[in-house]
Structure formats: C-alpha cells, structure tokens
C-alpha cells in the first residue's frame, strides 16, 4: 500500500509507481520491502520508506537495480 493511500486514502498514479517498486523489490529478493509484526508497524515503515537491502539475495543485485528501487519507493515523490 502506498503512503498516499495510508495517509489520505487517495489513489493516484504515484501509488501505481510505488506498487511497481514493491513488486520489483519482491521479484529480485523474494521478500516484501516492508515487514513488521503488525499492520501498524508495516504502515509505519511504509510512511517512512523504511526498507533495506540487507537480505543475502541482494548480494548479486546490481547497484542500478537497487538505485531504481530507492528512486521509486519515495514517500513524497
């Protein structure tokens, strides 16, 4: 879920771009970018774009791909 949807309930093309970033992250690592013990914790991470590339699966992912994910998963694009 995109930050705009959580904060304002607005759905726009920016939310679609965010979704592409989540899908890309998941495709290259097999993990969701935002994880937590509860929905509240996951939403908090989404609102801060609090994700990382520490999973061992990112070891062989190019810097260009990681940079693209960083540029897509932006809270206030």
N, C-alpha and C. Protein backbone atom coordinates (compact mmCIF):
# COMPACT_ATOMS: atom_id res chain seq x y z
N UNK A 1 0.84 -1.16 0.00
CA UNK A 1 0.00 0.00 0.00
C UNK A 1 0.90 1.24 0.00
N UNK A 2 0.57 2.18 -0.84
CA UNK A 2 1.37 3.39 -0.98
C UNK A 2 1.12 4.35 0.19
N UNK A 3 2.10 5.20 0.52
CA UNK A 3 1.93 6.16 1.62
C UNK A 3 0.72 7.07 1.43
N UNK A 4 0.46 7.49 0.18
CA UNK A 4 -0.68 8.37 -0.08
C UNK A 4 -1.99 7.70 0.30
N UNK A 5 -2.08 6.43 0.07
CA UNK A 5 -3.30 5.68 0.37
C UNK A 5 -3.46 5.57 1.89
N UNK A 6 -2.37 5.33 2.61
CA UNK A 6 -2.44 5.21 4.07
C UNK A 6 -2.81 6.55 4.69
N UNK A 7 -2.14 7.62 4.26
CA UNK A 7 -2.35 8.93 4.88
C UNK A 7 -3.66 9.58 4.49
N UNK A 8 -3.97 9.58 3.21
CA UNK A 8 -5.09 10.38 2.73
C UNK A 8 -6.20 9.57 2.09
N UNK A 9 -5.95 8.29 1.87
CA UNK A 9 -6.94 7.49 1.18
C UNK A 9 -7.00 7.79 -0.31
N UNK A 10 -6.04 8.59 -0.79
CA UNK A 10 -6.00 8.96 -2.21
C UNK A 10 -5.26 7.90 -3.01
N UNK A 11 -5.82 7.58 -4.13
CA UNK A 11 -5.16 6.65 -5.04
C UNK A 11 -4.88 7.39 -6.33
N UNK A 12 -3.61 7.41 -6.74
CA UNK A 12 -3.21 8.14 -7.94
C UNK A 12 -2.12 7.36 -8.66
N UNK A 13 -1.60 7.93 -9.71
CA UNK A 13 -0.55 7.24 -10.46
C UNK A 13 0.71 7.07 -9.61
N UNK A 14 0.93 7.95 -8.65
CA UNK A 14 2.09 7.79 -7.76
C UNK A 14 1.98 6.50 -6.97
N UNK A 15 0.76 6.13 -6.60
CA UNK A 15 0.56 4.87 -5.89
C UNK A 15 0.89 3.69 -6.80
N UNK A 16 0.60 3.83 -8.09
CA UNK A 16 0.94 2.77 -9.04
C UNK A 16 2.45 2.61 -9.16
N UNK A 17 3.16 3.71 -9.20
CA UNK A 17 4.63 3.67 -9.28
C UNK A 17 5.19 3.02 -8.03
N UNK A 18 4.66 3.38 -6.86
CA UNK A 18 5.07 2.76 -5.60
C UNK A 18 4.90 1.25 -5.69
N UNK A 19 3.76 0.82 -6.20
CA UNK A 19 3.48 -0.61 -6.33
C UNK A 19 4.51 -1.30 -7.22
N UNK A 20 4.93 -0.63 -8.27
CA UNK A 20 5.96 -1.19 -9.15
C UNK A 20 7.26 -1.39 -8.36
N UNK A 21 7.59 -0.44 -7.49
CA UNK A 21 8.78 -0.57 -6.66
C UNK A 21 8.69 -1.74 -5.70
N UNK A 22 7.52 -1.94 -5.11
CA UNK A 22 7.32 -3.07 -4.20
C UNK A 22 7.45 -4.38 -4.97
N UNK A 23 6.86 -4.43 -6.15
CA UNK A 23 6.92 -5.65 -6.97
C UNK A 23 8.37 -5.93 -7.39
N UNK A 24 9.09 -4.91 -7.82
CA UNK A 24 10.49 -5.09 -8.23
C UNK A 24 11.33 -5.61 -7.07
N UNK A 25 11.20 -4.98 -5.90
CA UNK A 25 11.93 -5.42 -4.71
C UNK A 25 11.63 -6.89 -4.43
N UNK A 26 10.37 -7.25 -4.49
CA UNK A 26 9.95 -8.62 -4.19
C UNK A 26 10.46 -9.60 -5.24
N UNK A 27 10.44 -9.19 -6.50
CA UNK A 27 10.91 -10.08 -7.56
C UNK A 27 12.39 -10.40 -7.45
N UNK A 28 13.20 -9.41 -7.09
CA UNK A 28 14.64 -9.65 -7.05
C UNK A 28 15.11 -10.28 -5.74
N UNK A 29 14.30 -10.17 -4.69
CA UNK A 29 14.75 -10.70 -3.39
C UNK A 29 13.89 -11.84 -2.85
N UNK A 30 12.63 -11.87 -3.22
CA UNK A 30 11.72 -12.84 -2.64
C UNK A 30 11.13 -12.38 -1.32
N UNK A 31 11.42 -11.15 -0.92
CA UNK A 31 10.91 -10.58 0.33
C UNK A 31 10.09 -9.34 0.03
N UNK A 32 9.15 -9.04 0.92
CA UNK A 32 8.45 -7.76 0.84
C UNK A 32 9.36 -6.68 1.43
N UNK A 33 9.34 -5.48 0.87
CA UNK A 33 10.24 -4.44 1.39
C UNK A 33 9.86 -3.92 2.77
N UNK A 34 8.60 -4.03 3.13
CA UNK A 34 8.14 -3.50 4.42
C UNK A 34 7.54 -4.65 5.22
N UNK A 35 8.21 -4.97 6.32
CA UNK A 35 7.76 -6.08 7.15
C UNK A 35 7.63 -5.63 8.59
N UNK A 36 6.75 -6.29 9.32
CA UNK A 36 6.56 -5.98 10.72
C UNK A 36 5.67 -7.00 11.38
N UNK A 37 5.60 -6.93 12.69
CA UNK A 37 4.80 -7.88 13.48
C UNK A 37 3.31 -7.58 13.42
N UNK A 38 2.96 -6.38 12.95
CA UNK A 38 1.56 -5.99 12.88
C UNK A 38 1.36 -5.05 11.70
N UNK A 39 0.11 -4.87 11.33
CA UNK A 39 -0.20 -3.93 10.24
C UNK A 39 0.29 -2.54 10.59
N UNK A 40 0.12 -2.16 11.85
CA UNK A 40 0.55 -0.82 12.28
C UNK A 40 2.04 -0.63 12.04
N UNK A 41 2.85 -1.62 12.39
CA UNK A 41 4.31 -1.50 12.19
C UNK A 41 4.66 -1.45 10.71
N UNK A 42 3.95 -2.23 9.91
CA UNK A 42 4.20 -2.21 8.46
C UNK A 42 3.84 -0.83 7.91
N UNK A 43 2.70 -0.28 8.30
CA UNK A 43 2.30 1.05 7.83
C UNK A 43 3.31 2.11 8.25
N UNK A 44 3.82 2.01 9.48
CA UNK A 44 4.83 2.97 9.94
C UNK A 44 6.06 2.91 9.05
N UNK A 45 6.48 1.71 8.68
CA UNK A 45 7.65 1.57 7.81
C UNK A 45 7.36 2.12 6.42
N UNK A 46 6.17 1.88 5.92
CA UNK A 46 5.80 2.41 4.61
C UNK A 46 5.85 3.94 4.63
N UNK A 47 5.28 4.55 5.67
CA UNK A 47 5.23 6.01 5.75
C UNK A 47 6.61 6.65 5.85
N UNK A 48 7.61 5.87 6.25
CA UNK A 48 8.99 6.37 6.33
C UNK A 48 9.85 5.83 5.19
N UNK A 49 9.26 4.99 4.34
CA UNK A 49 10.03 4.28 3.31
C UNK A 49 11.22 3.58 3.95
N UNK A 50 10.95 2.90 5.04
CA UNK A 50 11.98 2.22 5.84
C UNK A 50 12.17 0.79 5.32
N UNK A 51 13.04 0.66 4.32
CA UNK A 51 13.37 -0.66 3.78
C UNK A 51 14.88 -0.77 3.67
N UNK A 52 15.38 -1.97 3.40
CA UNK A 52 16.82 -2.17 3.33
C UNK A 52 17.16 -3.22 2.29
N UNK A 53 18.43 -3.31 2.00
CA UNK A 53 18.95 -4.30 1.06
C UNK A 53 19.89 -5.28 1.77
N UNK A 54 19.61 -5.60 3.02
CA UNK A 54 20.49 -6.46 3.81
C UNK A 54 20.29 -7.95 3.56
N UNK A 55 19.21 -8.32 2.89
CA UNK A 55 18.99 -9.74 2.60
C UNK A 55 20.11 -10.26 1.70
N UNK A 56 20.55 -11.46 1.95
CA UNK A 56 21.65 -12.03 1.15
C UNK A 56 21.29 -12.09 -0.33
N UNK A 57 20.01 -12.13 -0.65
CA UNK A 57 19.57 -12.18 -2.04
C UNK A 57 19.94 -10.92 -2.82
N UNK A 58 20.19 -9.83 -2.13
CA UNK A 58 20.58 -8.60 -2.80
C UNK A 58 22.07 -8.55 -3.12
N UNK A 59 22.82 -9.52 -2.66
CA UNK A 59 24.27 -9.53 -2.88
C UNK A 59 24.63 -9.42 -4.37
N UNK A 60 23.89 -10.13 -5.19
CA UNK A 60 24.19 -10.14 -6.62
C UNK A 60 23.29 -9.22 -7.45
N UNK A 61 22.47 -8.43 -6.79
CA UNK A 61 21.62 -7.48 -7.49
C UNK A 61 22.44 -6.24 -7.81
N UNK A 62 22.33 -5.75 -9.02
CA UNK A 62 23.15 -4.61 -9.45
C UNK A 62 22.81 -3.35 -8.65
N UNK A 63 23.79 -2.48 -8.55
CA UNK A 63 23.58 -1.18 -7.89
C UNK A 63 22.53 -0.37 -8.64
N UNK A 64 22.47 -0.54 -9.95
CA UNK A 64 21.48 0.19 -10.75
C UNK A 64 20.06 -0.23 -10.38
N UNK A 65 19.87 -1.51 -10.16
CA UNK A 65 18.55 -2.01 -9.77
C UNK A 65 18.18 -1.49 -8.38
N UNK A 66 19.12 -1.55 -7.45
CA UNK A 66 18.86 -1.05 -6.10
C UNK A 66 18.59 0.46 -6.12
N UNK A 67 19.31 1.17 -6.97
CA UNK A 67 19.09 2.61 -7.10
C UNK A 67 17.70 2.90 -7.66
N UNK A 68 17.27 2.11 -8.62
CA UNK A 68 15.93 2.28 -9.17
C UNK A 68 14.87 2.06 -8.09
N UNK A 69 15.04 1.04 -7.29
CA UNK A 69 14.09 0.80 -6.19
C UNK A 69 14.08 1.97 -5.23
N UNK A 70 15.26 2.49 -4.88
CA UNK A 70 15.34 3.66 -3.98
C UNK A 70 14.61 4.85 -4.58
N UNK A 71 14.71 5.04 -5.88
CA UNK A 71 14.08 6.19 -6.55
C UNK A 71 12.58 6.00 -6.71
N UNK A 72 12.11 4.77 -6.70
CA UNK A 72 10.67 4.52 -6.84
C UNK A 72 9.97 4.55 -5.49
N UNK A 73 10.58 3.97 -4.47
CA UNK A 73 9.95 3.91 -3.15
C UNK A 73 10.27 5.18 -2.36
N UNK A 74 9.67 6.27 -2.82
CA UNK A 74 9.86 7.60 -2.23
C UNK A 74 8.53 8.05 -1.65
N UNK A 75 8.54 8.51 -0.42
CA UNK A 75 7.30 8.90 0.25
C UNK A 75 6.66 10.12 -0.40
N UNK A 76 7.43 11.14 -0.67
CA UNK A 76 6.89 12.36 -1.30
C UNK A 76 7.58 12.60 -2.63
N UNK A 77 7.13 11.87 -3.67
CA UNK A 77 7.84 12.00 -4.97
C UNK A 77 7.69 13.38 -5.59
